[in-house]
């Protein structure tokens, strides 16, 4: 599983960062999910190798514009690319009203059907290779986190035993690995005697705006990667609380308490430039590092993070 950050700025874009968007791509698959779709997200997507044909679902965390203003344009471009497969959208209920009004007023003609699920009332959506669960957060408007869980099955063939038992290397090995029993001469070879199956579960939690990381305690059960906003550093703790946001120390303390292996911070205020100084992203990094002992990353646009079990 790969998490890609397409937009890492809060509120407005900067010269270095676009507004919020992230991608979760399934392991061993081209399928992917988009979380948030700020203005110009489709332009960001053009700079990746992701294909709109393999977009399985769009999850919007909340209705503030820096997280959703790019959605109608993206849906239009998907239609212009000739998509016919249905598309799933998971978002707060208000997004459906806004989106339907935009479609009607702009005479947007989609070539595919779309299914809308309200995040407020939806416990989970099961895609064939991915389960997406929603968790409520604390912000000025209803905001949500999305938990992505993928179960991987790995089969290992005991080639030494096959050779010693007289099964020649070739198509029969493939059948055995797929769980089929095979016949060689008068002897039947049972797949279960030569194949070992193991499973691994990958889990990432992608958050919308949130001023209370503790709300994610259950969502982060067995979580391998948490992507969470850190709009400010602790000098602006009061401002963060006023506007329903988190600051770096606050998120880092939660991640340490929850014993998370990997924390990725994003959604930085435009006051934090890419340069050095008291209001640089380095300030946020230093603050978080003082309180979190796991792997810490401060996301930039187009960063890719592997979710490891």
Protein backbone atom coordinates (compact mmCIF):
# COMPACT_ATOMS: atom_id res chain seq x y z
CA UNK A 1 0.00 0.00 0.00
CA UNK A 2 1.29 3.44 -0.94
CA UNK A 3 0.09 6.80 0.40
CA UNK A 4 0.86 9.78 -1.86
CA UNK A 5 0.35 13.38 -0.76
CA UNK A 6 -0.80 15.53 -3.68
CA UNK A 7 -1.53 18.68 -1.69
CA UNK A 8 -0.09 19.63 1.70
CA UNK A 9 -1.03 23.29 2.25
CA UNK A 10 -3.78 24.52 4.54
CA UNK A 11 -6.39 26.96 3.26
CA UNK A 12 -4.60 28.35 0.22
CA UNK A 13 -1.95 27.04 -2.18
CA UNK A 14 1.61 28.31 -2.03
CA UNK A 15 4.39 28.26 -4.60
CA UNK A 16 5.59 24.95 -3.16
CA UNK A 17 2.33 23.32 -2.04
CA UNK A 18 -1.18 22.79 -3.37
CA UNK A 19 -4.23 22.44 -1.12
CA UNK A 20 -5.38 19.15 0.36
CA UNK A 21 -5.43 15.85 -1.49
CA UNK A 22 -3.95 12.42 -0.87
CA UNK A 23 -4.03 9.03 -2.57
CA UNK A 24 -4.09 5.51 -1.17
CA UNK A 25 -3.01 2.88 -3.70
CA UNK A 26 -3.56 -0.80 -2.96
CA UNK A 27 -0.66 -3.21 -2.87
CA UNK A 28 -0.28 -5.53 -5.87
CA UNK A 29 -2.91 -3.52 -7.74
CA UNK A 30 -3.38 -0.40 -9.85
CA UNK A 31 -6.54 0.52 -7.92
CA UNK A 32 -6.45 3.72 -5.89
CA UNK A 33 -8.61 6.01 -3.77
CA UNK A 34 -8.54 9.80 -3.57
CA UNK A 35 -8.93 11.48 -0.19
CA UNK A 36 -9.93 15.13 -0.52
CA UNK A 37 -9.84 17.08 -3.75
CA UNK A 38 -8.80 20.68 -3.28
CA UNK A 39 -8.62 23.08 -6.20
CA UNK A 40 -6.21 21.91 -8.96
CA UNK A 41 -6.00 18.35 -7.66
CA UNK A 42 -6.53 17.03 -11.18
CA UNK A 43 -3.53 19.08 -12.30
CA UNK A 44 -1.50 17.40 -9.55
CA UNK A 45 -2.71 13.99 -10.72
CA UNK A 46 -1.35 14.70 -14.20
CA UNK A 47 2.11 14.78 -12.67
CA UNK A 48 1.76 11.23 -11.35
CA UNK A 49 1.48 7.86 -13.06
CA UNK A 50 -2.00 7.25 -11.64
CA UNK A 51 -4.70 6.43 -14.17
CA UNK A 52 -8.24 7.72 -13.70
CA UNK A 53 -9.43 4.38 -15.06
CA UNK A 54 -8.27 2.74 -11.85
CA UNK A 55 -9.83 5.28 -9.46
CA UNK A 56 -12.16 3.23 -7.24
CA UNK A 57 -13.49 5.86 -4.89
CA UNK A 58 -13.28 9.44 -3.67
CA UNK A 59 -13.42 10.25 0.05
CA UNK A 60 -13.98 13.86 1.11
CA UNK A 61 -13.21 14.62 4.75
CA UNK A 62 -15.28 17.81 5.09
CA UNK A 63 -16.94 20.56 3.09
CA UNK A 64 -14.36 23.35 3.43
CA UNK A 65 -13.22 24.51 0.01
CA UNK A 66 -9.54 23.68 0.30
CA UNK A 67 -10.60 20.04 0.58
CA UNK A 68 -13.33 19.83 -2.07
CA UNK A 69 -13.34 22.67 -4.64
CA UNK A 70 -11.54 20.49 -7.18
CA UNK A 71 -14.15 17.73 -7.11
CA UNK A 72 -16.62 18.89 -9.83
CA UNK A 73 -13.81 19.54 -12.30
CA UNK A 74 -12.25 16.15 -11.63
CA UNK A 75 -15.58 14.38 -12.15
CA UNK A 76 -15.98 16.24 -15.45
CA UNK A 77 -12.51 15.23 -16.63
CA UNK A 78 -13.19 11.61 -15.70
CA UNK A 79 -16.28 11.73 -17.92
CA UNK A 80 -14.33 13.33 -20.77
CA UNK A 81 -11.91 10.40 -20.55
CA UNK A 82 -14.85 8.12 -21.35
CA UNK A 83 -15.30 6.33 -18.04
CA UNK A 84 -18.34 4.06 -17.81
CA UNK A 85 -17.56 2.15 -14.60
CA UNK A 86 -19.49 3.36 -11.53
CA UNK A 87 -17.68 5.60 -9.05
CA UNK A 88 -18.11 5.61 -5.27
CA UNK A 89 -18.05 8.90 -3.35
CA UNK A 90 -17.90 8.93 0.45
CA UNK A 91 -18.31 12.35 2.07
CA UNK A 92 -20.32 14.40 4.55
CA UNK A 93 -23.97 14.72 3.52
CA UNK A 94 -23.56 18.40 2.62
CA UNK A 95 -21.14 17.45 -0.17
CA UNK A 96 -23.90 15.57 -2.02
CA UNK A 97 -26.17 18.61 -1.98
CA UNK A 98 -23.40 20.91 -3.21
CA UNK A 99 -22.22 18.44 -5.84
CA UNK A 100 -25.70 17.75 -7.21
CA UNK A 101 -26.43 21.48 -7.44
CA UNK A 102 -23.16 22.04 -9.31
CA UNK A 103 -23.90 19.19 -11.72
CA UNK A 104 -27.40 20.54 -12.41
CA UNK A 105 -26.49 24.22 -12.73
CA UNK A 106 -23.46 23.67 -14.95
CA UNK A 107 -25.18 20.99 -17.05
CA UNK A 108 -22.42 18.52 -16.28
CA UNK A 109 -23.08 15.30 -18.17
CA UNK A 110 -21.33 12.32 -16.64
CA UNK A 111 -20.74 9.15 -18.63
CA UNK A 112 -20.86 6.98 -15.51
CA UNK A 113 -23.06 6.52 -12.48
CA UNK A 114 -21.92 7.56 -9.03
CA UNK A 115 -22.97 6.22 -5.67
CA UNK A 116 -22.89 8.57 -2.69
CA UNK A 117 -22.43 7.39 0.90
CA UNK A 118 -22.82 9.88 3.76
CA UNK A 119 -19.83 9.65 6.07
CA UNK A 120 -21.97 10.59 9.08
CA UNK A 121 -24.03 7.39 8.89
CA UNK A 122 -21.69 4.97 7.14
CA UNK A 123 -19.61 2.58 9.26
CA UNK A 124 -17.65 1.14 6.32
CA UNK A 125 -17.57 0.41 2.60
CA UNK A 126 -16.13 -2.87 1.39
CA UNK A 127 -14.35 -2.76 -1.94
CA UNK A 128 -13.11 -6.13 -3.12
CA UNK A 129 -9.51 -5.48 -2.07
CA UNK A 130 -9.92 -2.63 0.42
CA UNK A 131 -12.16 -1.81 3.38
CA UNK A 132 -12.78 1.87 4.12
CA UNK A 133 -14.14 2.91 7.52
CA UNK A 134 -15.13 6.40 8.65
CA UNK A 135 -14.41 8.03 12.01
CA UNK A 136 -15.76 11.42 13.18
CA UNK A 137 -13.31 14.18 14.06
CA UNK A 138 -13.61 17.59 15.74
CA UNK A 139 -13.66 20.66 13.50
CA UNK A 140 -15.86 23.68 12.79
CA UNK A 141 -17.94 21.57 10.40
CA UNK A 142 -18.44 17.78 10.35
CA UNK A 143 -15.06 16.25 9.51
CA UNK A 144 -13.95 12.66 9.19
CA UNK A 145 -10.99 10.34 9.07
CA UNK A 146 -10.84 7.38 6.70
CA UNK A 147 -9.24 4.10 7.71
CA UNK A 148 -7.98 1.98 4.80
CA UNK A 149 -7.40 -1.71 5.48
CA UNK A 150 -6.06 -4.23 2.96
CA UNK A 151 -5.56 -7.92 3.68
CA UNK A 152 -2.83 -9.55 1.60
CA UNK A 153 -2.49 -13.28 1.12
CA UNK A 154 0.91 -14.71 0.27
CA UNK A 155 1.48 -18.30 -0.85
CA UNK A 156 4.90 -19.91 -0.78
CA UNK A 157 5.67 -23.07 -2.72
CA UNK A 158 8.02 -25.67 -1.24
CA UNK A 159 10.00 -26.27 -4.42
CA UNK A 160 12.59 -28.51 -2.76
CA UNK A 161 9.93 -30.92 -1.53
CA UNK A 162 8.23 -30.93 -4.93
CA UNK A 163 11.47 -31.88 -6.66
CA UNK A 164 12.37 -34.52 -4.10
CA UNK A 165 8.89 -36.03 -4.41
CA UNK A 166 9.21 -36.26 -8.18
CA UNK A 167 7.05 -33.38 -9.39
CA UNK A 168 8.90 -31.80 -12.33
CA UNK A 169 9.15 -28.02 -12.47
CA UNK A 170 6.60 -26.59 -14.87
CA UNK A 171 2.86 -25.97 -15.20
CA UNK A 172 2.05 -28.47 -12.44
CA UNK A 173 3.76 -26.24 -9.90
CA UNK A 174 1.46 -23.38 -10.83
CA UNK A 175 -1.60 -25.58 -10.35
CA UNK A 176 -0.38 -26.71 -6.94
CA UNK A 177 0.30 -23.11 -5.88
CA UNK A 178 -3.26 -22.20 -6.92
CA UNK A 179 -4.60 -24.88 -4.58
CA UNK A 180 -5.17 -27.65 -7.12
CA UNK A 181 -4.19 -31.27 -6.54
CA UNK A 182 -2.27 -32.85 -9.43
CA UNK A 183 -1.66 -36.35 -10.72
CA UNK A 184 1.76 -37.62 -11.79
CA UNK A 185 1.62 -41.23 -12.91
CA UNK A 186 -0.28 -43.21 -10.30
CA UNK A 187 0.34 -40.72 -7.51
CA UNK A 188 -1.78 -37.74 -6.48
CA UNK A 189 0.00 -34.74 -5.01
CA UNK A 190 -2.03 -32.65 -2.57
CA UNK A 191 -1.58 -28.90 -2.79
CA UNK A 192 -1.82 -28.43 0.98
CA UNK A 193 1.35 -30.49 1.46
CA UNK A 194 3.45 -28.11 -0.64
CA UNK A 195 1.93 -24.67 -0.13
CA UNK A 196 2.23 -22.41 2.90
CA UNK A 197 -0.24 -19.54 3.10
CA UNK A 198 0.26 -16.42 5.19
CA UNK A 199 -1.73 -13.21 5.51
CA UNK A 200 -0.70 -9.65 6.26
CA UNK A 201 -2.97 -6.73 7.07
CA UNK A 202 -1.99 -3.21 6.02
CA UNK A 203 -3.74 -0.22 7.58
CA UNK A 204 -3.47 3.53 7.03
CA UNK A 205 -5.57 6.31 8.54
CA UNK A 206 -6.02 9.53 6.55
CA UNK A 207 -7.49 12.46 8.47
CA UNK A 208 -9.38 15.60 7.71
CA UNK A 209 -9.13 18.75 9.79
CA UNK A 210 -9.19 17.90 13.49
CA UNK A 211 -8.42 19.63 16.78
CA UNK A 212 -8.55 16.48 18.94
CA UNK A 213 -6.24 13.62 17.88
CA UNK A 214 -7.49 11.51 20.80
CA UNK A 215 -10.66 10.88 18.79
CA UNK A 216 -8.53 8.63 16.57
CA UNK A 217 -7.66 6.13 19.29
CA UNK A 218 -9.94 3.39 17.93
CA UNK A 219 -9.20 4.22 14.30
CA UNK A 220 -5.49 3.74 14.95
CA UNK A 221 -5.81 0.20 16.30
CA UNK A 222 -3.13 -1.85 14.48
CA UNK A 223 -2.44 1.17 12.26
CA UNK A 224 0.83 1.29 10.33
CA UNK A 225 0.63 4.90 9.09
CA UNK A 226 -1.27 7.97 10.26
CA UNK A 227 -1.56 11.02 7.99
CA UNK A 228 -2.69 13.93 10.17
CA UNK A 229 -2.81 17.68 9.90
CA UNK A 230 -0.35 19.88 11.80
CA UNK A 231 -1.48 23.32 10.72
CA UNK A 232 0.59 25.14 13.34
CA UNK A 233 3.32 24.70 15.95
CA UNK A 234 2.71 25.08 19.67
CA UNK A 235 3.22 28.85 19.73
CA UNK A 236 -0.14 29.02 17.93
CA UNK A 237 -1.96 26.47 20.09
CA UNK A 238 -4.73 28.95 20.91
CA UNK A 239 -5.19 29.83 17.24
CA UNK A 240 -5.31 26.12 16.38
CA UNK A 241 -8.06 25.54 18.93
CA UNK A 242 -10.01 28.58 17.75
CA UNK A 243 -10.09 27.35 14.15
CA UNK A 244 -10.46 23.64 14.86
CA UNK A 245 -6.94 22.56 13.95
CA UNK A 246 -4.04 20.68 15.52
CA UNK A 247 -0.43 21.68 16.15
CA UNK A 248 2.62 19.48 15.69
CA UNK A 249 3.36 18.72 19.35
CA UNK A 250 -0.26 17.78 19.98
CA UNK A 251 -0.33 15.20 17.18
CA UNK A 252 3.12 13.85 18.02
CA UNK A 253 2.16 13.26 21.65
CA UNK A 254 -0.90 11.29 20.57
CA UNK A 255 1.11 9.21 18.08
CA UNK A 256 3.67 8.41 20.77
CA UNK A 257 1.00 7.47 23.29
CA UNK A 258 -0.69 5.24 20.69
CA UNK A 259 2.71 3.72 19.80
CA UNK A 260 2.22 4.36 16.09
CA UNK A 261 5.14 3.24 13.92
CA UNK A 262 4.81 5.98 11.27
CA UNK A 263 3.42 9.51 11.51
CA UNK A 264 3.11 11.79 8.49
CA UNK A 265 2.22 15.43 9.13
CA UNK A 266 0.56 17.60 6.49
CA UNK A 267 -1.83 20.57 5.97
CA UNK A 268 0.67 23.24 6.96
CA UNK A 269 -0.32 26.88 7.30
CA UNK A 270 1.03 29.05 4.50
CA UNK A 271 3.03 30.93 7.15
CA UNK A 272 5.48 28.00 7.14
CA UNK A 273 7.67 28.42 4.10
CA UNK A 274 10.05 25.84 2.69
CA UNK A 275 12.93 28.04 3.84
CA UNK A 276 14.69 27.99 7.20
CA UNK A 277 13.68 30.29 10.04
CA UNK A 278 11.28 30.46 12.99
CA UNK A 279 8.25 29.98 10.73
CA UNK A 280 9.59 27.18 8.55
CA UNK A 281 8.44 23.59 8.28
CA UNK A 282 11.65 22.72 10.11
CA UNK A 283 10.09 24.28 13.21
CA UNK A 284 7.22 21.82 13.00
CA UNK A 285 9.58 18.91 12.48
CA UNK A 286 11.74 19.82 15.48
CA UNK A 287 8.68 20.16 17.68
CA UNK A 288 7.22 16.81 16.62
CA UNK A 289 10.53 14.97 16.93
CA UNK A 290 10.79 16.01 20.57
CA UNK A 291 7.63 14.05 21.38
CA UNK A 292 7.53 11.14 18.90
CA UNK A 293 10.05 8.31 18.66
CA UNK A 294 8.68 6.52 15.59
CA UNK A 295 9.23 7.28 11.91
CA UNK A 296 8.28 10.90 11.32
CA UNK A 297 7.74 12.61 7.97
CA UNK A 298 6.56 16.09 7.09
CA UNK A 299 4.86 15.69 3.75
CA UNK A 300 5.58 17.64 0.61
CA UNK A 301 3.49 17.47 -2.54
CA UNK A 302 4.08 14.19 -4.44
CA UNK A 303 5.76 12.41 -1.53
CA UNK A 304 5.11 8.66 -1.51
CA UNK A 305 5.00 6.67 1.72
CA UNK A 306 4.97 2.88 1.84
CA UNK A 307 2.64 1.32 4.39
CA UNK A 308 4.56 -1.54 5.95
CA UNK A 309 3.16 -4.27 8.19
